[in-house]
Amino acid sequence: MNLQSFNAAVEAAEAFLARAKRVEWTEVKCDDGKRIHYPTNGKANGAVKRASLDLTRALAEMRKP
């Protein structure tokens, strides 16, 4: 781990959190009484998935010796 890879991971984590806070969720009650939650904002959901991939890559880079 070096300072550059550490800072990149922190930046990616902050970007992920910022995008995750923008996702809106809807709750649907099924006939059997269970409740299902799913994201209703497609663009925000896609941005979170992309940020998750970027964060994973940054963390992998940070772990390299």
C-alpha atoms as a PDB file:
ATOM      1  CA  MET A   1       0.000   0.000   0.000  1.00  0.00           C
ATOM      2  CA  ASN A   2       1.207   3.467  -0.793  1.00  0.00           C
ATOM      3  CA  LEU A   3      -0.244   6.922  -0.226  1.00  0.00           C
ATOM      4  CA  GLN A   4      -1.448   7.310  -3.801  1.00  0.00           C
ATOM      5  CA  SER A   5      -3.403   4.042  -3.853  1.00  0.00           C
ATOM      6  CA  PHE A   6      -4.786   4.762  -0.382  1.00  0.00           C
ATOM      7  CA  ASN A   7      -6.042   8.193  -1.449  1.00  0.00           C
ATOM      8  CA  ALA A   8      -7.559   6.730  -4.610  1.00  0.00           C
ATOM      9  CA  ALA A   9      -9.473   4.166  -2.530  1.00  0.00           C
ATOM     10  CA  VAL A  10     -10.759   6.843  -0.168  1.00  0.00           C
ATOM     11  CA  GLU A  11     -11.878   8.961  -3.121  1.00  0.00           C
ATOM     12  CA  ALA A  12     -13.657   5.977  -4.690  1.00  0.00           C
ATOM     13  CA  ALA A  13     -15.376   5.192  -1.379  1.00  0.00           C
ATOM     14  CA  GLU A  14     -16.615   8.767  -1.061  1.00  0.00           C
ATOM     15  CA  ALA A  15     -17.916   8.697  -4.641  1.00  0.00           C
ATOM     16  CA  PHE A  16     -19.728   5.424  -3.935  1.00  0.00           C
ATOM     17  CA  LEU A  17     -21.381   6.825  -0.802  1.00  0.00           C
ATOM     18  CA  ALA A  18     -22.451  10.007  -2.590  1.00  0.00           C
ATOM     19  CA  ARG A  19     -24.110   8.006  -5.357  1.00  0.00           C
ATOM     20  CA  ALA A  20     -25.648   5.479  -2.956  1.00  0.00           C
ATOM     21  CA  LYS A  21     -27.431   8.263  -1.092  1.00  0.00           C
ATOM     22  CA  ARG A  22     -29.209   9.272  -4.320  1.00  0.00           C
ATOM     23  CA  VAL A  23     -30.929   5.919  -4.844  1.00  0.00           C
ATOM     24  CA  GLU A  24     -34.643   5.964  -4.088  1.00  0.00           C
ATOM     25  CA  TRP A  25     -36.350   2.781  -2.902  1.00  0.00           C
ATOM     26  CA  THR A  26     -39.922   1.553  -3.244  1.00  0.00           C
ATOM     27  CA  GLU A  27     -41.546  -1.042  -1.019  1.00  0.00           C
ATOM     28  CA  VAL A  28     -44.101  -3.466  -2.398  1.00  0.00           C
ATOM     29  CA  LYS A  29     -46.142  -5.802  -0.244  1.00  0.00           C
ATOM     30  CA  CYS A  30     -46.687  -9.228  -1.820  1.00  0.00           C
ATOM     31  CA  ASP A  31     -49.785 -11.392  -1.436  1.00  0.00           C
ATOM     32  CA  ASP A  32     -47.951 -13.674   0.982  1.00  0.00           C
ATOM     33  CA  GLY A  33     -47.172 -10.768   3.307  1.00  0.00           C
ATOM     34  CA  LYS A  34     -43.532 -10.357   2.370  1.00  0.00           C
ATOM     35  CA  ARG A  35     -42.199  -6.943   1.509  1.00  0.00           C
ATOM     36  CA  ILE A  36     -39.867  -6.384  -1.397  1.00  0.00           C
ATOM     37  CA  HIS A  37     -37.690  -3.314  -1.761  1.00  0.00           C
ATOM     38  CA  TYR A  38     -36.303  -2.260  -5.109  1.00  0.00           C
ATOM     39  CA  PRO A  39     -34.655   0.872  -6.492  1.00  0.00           C
ATOM     40  CA  THR A  40     -36.919   3.104  -8.565  1.00  0.00           C
ATOM     41  CA  ASN A  41     -34.329   5.450 -10.062  1.00  0.00           C
ATOM     42  CA  GLY A  42     -32.589   3.571 -12.871  1.00  0.00           C
ATOM     43  CA  LYS A  43     -29.834   6.100 -13.534  1.00  0.00           C
ATOM     44  CA  ALA A  44     -28.911   6.426  -9.866  1.00  0.00           C
ATOM     45  CA  ASN A  45     -28.937   2.651  -9.459  1.00  0.00           C
ATOM     46  CA  GLY A  46     -26.620   2.251 -12.442  1.00  0.00           C
ATOM     47  CA  ALA A  47     -24.298   4.925 -11.075  1.00  0.00           C
ATOM     48  CA  VAL A  48     -24.078   3.068  -7.754  1.00  0.00           C
ATOM     49  CA  LYS A  49     -23.195  -0.182  -9.491  1.00  0.00           C
ATOM     50  CA  ARG A  50     -20.477   1.565 -11.505  1.00  0.00           C
ATOM     51  CA  ALA A  51     -19.109   3.288  -8.394  1.00  0.00           C
ATOM     52  CA  SER A  52     -19.055  -0.087  -6.653  1.00  0.00           C
ATOM     53  CA  LEU A  53     -16.914  -1.530  -9.433  1.00  0.00           C
ATOM     54  CA  ASP A  54     -14.554   1.450  -9.256  1.00  0.00           C
ATOM     55  CA  LEU A  55     -14.280   1.098  -5.481  1.00  0.00           C
ATOM     56  CA  THR A  56     -13.518  -2.615  -5.777  1.00  0.00           C
ATOM     57  CA  ARG A  57     -10.739  -1.880  -8.261  1.00  0.00           C
ATOM     58  CA  ALA A  58      -9.285   0.887  -6.072  1.00  0.00           C
ATOM     59  CA  LEU A  59      -9.289  -1.368  -3.003  1.00  0.00           C
ATOM     60  CA  ALA A  60      -7.551  -4.134  -4.940  1.00  0.00           C
ATOM     61  CA  GLU A  61      -4.852  -1.677  -6.035  1.00  0.00           C
ATOM     62  CA  MET A  62      -4.462  -0.463  -2.455  1.00  0.00           C
ATOM     63  CA  ARG A  63      -3.868  -4.033  -1.218  1.00  0.00           C
ATOM     64  CA  LYS A  64      -0.973  -4.613  -3.578  1.00  0.00           C
ATOM     65  CA  PRO A  65       2.409  -4.478  -1.828  1.00  0.00           C
END
